[in-house]
Amino acid sequence: MTEKRTFVLAHRQARANAAHFAYEAPDGWMVTFCEPKRNLDQNAKFHAIVGDIAKSGLKWAGKPRTAAQWKVLLVSGHAAATNEGSEMVPGLEGEFLNLRESTALMSKKRAASLIEYALAFCAMNGVHLSAASVQRELEPA
């Protein structure tokens, strides 16, 4: 048995299939259970939101920021607001940077929380959201 198998535990039969596979797996194989990762719709919605903030001309620390910079600000702010914390460290050239969590590795639930945080930020700061930011309906986390 040299294959990798992934089971989405969405119903009784999927659980039975996973249990059977685990029972038949050779000694030494590993089983990992984890929350599902954020999906492409969540990724697209979040990037549309940061794009809208950048296009709005909203300033941070005295100047307008790019979408990439707004992404860093929102992810860092969300981590602080949800008590995940962050770490400021000196960089390789003496600069300071925030070691933040990766959005690509976020669970669906965590990505949904980040999107809600970003939407609240927009509402509090008068940022007009485009259709791409508001029309996309996300599946429940």
Protein backbone atom coordinates (compact mmCIF):
# COMPACT_ATOMS: atom_id res chain seq x y z
CA MET A 1 0.00 0.00 0.00
CA THR A 2 1.89 3.09 -1.21
CA GLU A 3 -0.91 5.52 -1.81
CA LYS A 4 -1.99 8.61 0.04
CA ARG A 5 -5.69 8.82 0.84
CA THR A 6 -7.78 11.72 2.06
CA PHE A 7 -11.24 11.24 3.51
CA VAL A 8 -13.62 14.14 4.07
CA LEU A 9 -15.63 13.16 7.12
CA ALA A 10 -18.93 14.43 5.74
CA HIS A 11 -21.22 11.46 6.50
CA ARG A 12 -21.35 8.02 8.12
CA GLN A 13 -20.07 6.12 5.05
CA ALA A 14 -17.05 8.40 4.68
CA ARG A 15 -16.20 7.77 8.33
CA ALA A 16 -16.58 4.02 7.82
CA ASN A 17 -14.31 4.16 4.75
CA ALA A 18 -11.67 6.08 6.71
CA ALA A 19 -11.87 3.64 9.61
CA HIS A 20 -11.54 0.66 7.28
CA PHE A 21 -8.56 2.20 5.51
CA ALA A 22 -6.91 2.92 8.89
CA TYR A 23 -7.53 -0.65 10.02
CA GLU A 24 -5.95 -2.09 6.86
CA ALA A 25 -2.99 0.32 6.71
CA PRO A 26 0.47 -1.14 7.35
CA ASP A 27 2.22 -0.53 10.66
CA GLY A 28 3.99 2.81 10.74
CA TRP A 29 1.46 4.69 8.62
CA MET A 30 0.16 7.93 10.12
CA VAL A 31 -3.35 9.33 10.50
CA THR A 32 -3.93 13.08 10.75
CA PHE A 33 -7.24 14.77 11.47
CA CYS A 34 -7.49 18.48 10.74
CA GLU A 35 -9.99 21.18 9.95
CA PRO A 36 -10.49 21.81 6.24
CA LYS A 37 -8.27 24.54 4.79
CA ARG A 38 -9.68 27.79 3.47
CA ASN A 39 -11.12 27.50 -0.01
CA LEU A 40 -10.60 29.42 -3.24
CA ASP A 41 -13.86 31.39 -2.82
CA GLN A 42 -12.66 32.65 0.55
CA ASN A 43 -9.29 33.54 -0.97
CA ALA A 44 -10.93 35.42 -3.84
CA LYS A 45 -13.28 37.31 -1.52
CA PHE A 46 -10.50 38.37 0.85
CA HIS A 47 -8.29 39.55 -2.01
CA ALA A 48 -11.20 41.49 -3.50
CA ILE A 49 -11.68 43.21 -0.14
CA VAL A 50 -8.01 44.20 0.23
CA GLY A 51 -8.08 45.41 -3.36
CA ASP A 52 -11.11 47.58 -2.60
CA ILE A 53 -9.38 49.07 0.45
CA ALA A 54 -6.28 49.88 -1.62
CA LYS A 55 -8.39 51.47 -4.38
CA SER A 56 -10.31 53.55 -1.83
CA GLY A 57 -7.24 55.65 -1.09
CA LEU A 58 -7.59 55.05 2.63
CA LYS A 59 -4.33 55.97 4.34
CA TRP A 60 -2.47 54.09 7.03
CA ALA A 61 0.44 55.69 8.88
CA GLY A 62 0.02 58.77 6.73
CA LYS A 63 -0.03 57.30 3.25
CA PRO A 64 -2.09 55.10 0.94
CA ARG A 65 -1.17 51.41 0.99
CA THR A 66 -1.12 48.70 -1.67
CA ALA A 67 -3.39 45.67 -1.55
CA ALA A 68 -0.43 43.56 -0.40
CA GLN A 69 0.25 45.99 2.44
CA TRP A 70 -3.43 46.04 3.46
CA LYS A 71 -3.38 42.26 3.51
CA VAL A 72 -0.49 42.30 6.00
CA LEU A 73 -2.24 44.94 8.12
CA LEU A 74 -5.54 43.03 8.17
CA VAL A 75 -3.99 39.62 8.91
CA SER A 76 -1.88 41.13 11.70
CA GLY A 77 -4.83 43.08 13.14
CA HIS A 78 -7.05 40.00 12.98
CA ALA A 79 -4.43 37.94 14.83
CA ALA A 80 -4.25 40.57 17.58
CA ALA A 81 -8.04 40.95 17.77
CA THR A 82 -8.53 37.20 18.11
CA ASN A 83 -5.71 36.77 20.64
CA GLU A 84 -3.57 34.73 18.24
CA GLY A 85 -0.83 37.27 18.72
CA SER A 86 2.07 38.17 16.51
CA GLU A 87 5.79 38.49 16.85
CA MET A 88 7.87 41.47 15.83
CA VAL A 89 11.44 40.45 15.08
CA PRO A 90 14.48 42.15 13.61
CA GLY A 91 14.96 41.20 9.99
CA LEU A 92 18.08 40.11 8.22
CA GLU A 93 19.07 43.68 7.36
CA GLY A 94 18.09 45.31 10.67
CA GLU A 95 14.53 46.12 9.60
CA PHE A 96 11.60 45.02 11.78
CA LEU A 97 8.90 42.70 10.57
CA ASN A 98 5.83 40.97 11.83
CA LEU A 99 5.95 37.18 11.64
CA ARG A 100 2.29 36.56 10.87
CA GLU A 101 0.18 33.55 10.16
CA SER A 102 -0.17 32.35 6.59
CA THR A 103 -3.57 32.85 4.97
CA ALA A 104 -2.87 29.85 2.71
CA LEU A 105 -2.68 27.61 5.76
CA MET A 106 -5.79 28.97 7.47
CA SER A 107 -8.73 26.73 8.20
CA LYS A 108 -12.09 27.59 6.64
CA LYS A 109 -13.27 28.80 10.02
CA ARG A 110 -10.24 31.04 10.53
CA ALA A 111 -10.49 32.45 6.99
CA ALA A 112 -14.19 33.22 7.56
CA SER A 113 -13.24 35.09 10.73
CA LEU A 114 -10.59 37.08 8.83
CA ILE A 115 -13.12 38.02 6.14
CA GLU A 116 -15.60 39.20 8.80
CA TYR A 117 -12.83 41.23 10.42
CA ALA A 118 -11.94 42.82 7.06
CA LEU A 119 -15.59 43.61 6.29
CA ALA A 120 -16.00 45.22 9.71
CA PHE A 121 -12.86 47.29 9.10
CA CYS A 122 -14.32 48.46 5.79
CA ALA A 123 -17.63 49.38 7.41
CA MET A 124 -15.92 51.34 10.19
CA ASN A 125 -13.73 53.21 7.70
CA GLY A 126 -16.29 53.97 4.99
CA VAL A 127 -14.67 51.76 2.35
CA HIS A 128 -17.03 51.10 -0.55
CA LEU A 129 -16.96 47.42 -1.48
CA SER A 130 -17.14 46.19 -5.06
CA ALA A 131 -19.48 43.47 -6.27
CA ALA A 132 -16.63 40.95 -6.06
CA SER A 133 -16.30 41.66 -2.34
CA VAL A 134 -19.97 41.48 -1.41
CA GLN A 135 -21.74 39.25 -3.93
CA ARG A 136 -19.70 36.11 -3.46
CA GLU A 137 -21.58 33.92 -1.01
CA LEU A 138 -19.40 31.61 1.04
CA GLU A 139 -20.36 28.17 2.24
CA PRO A 140 -20.65 27.90 6.02
CA ALA A 141 -17.35 27.34 7.81
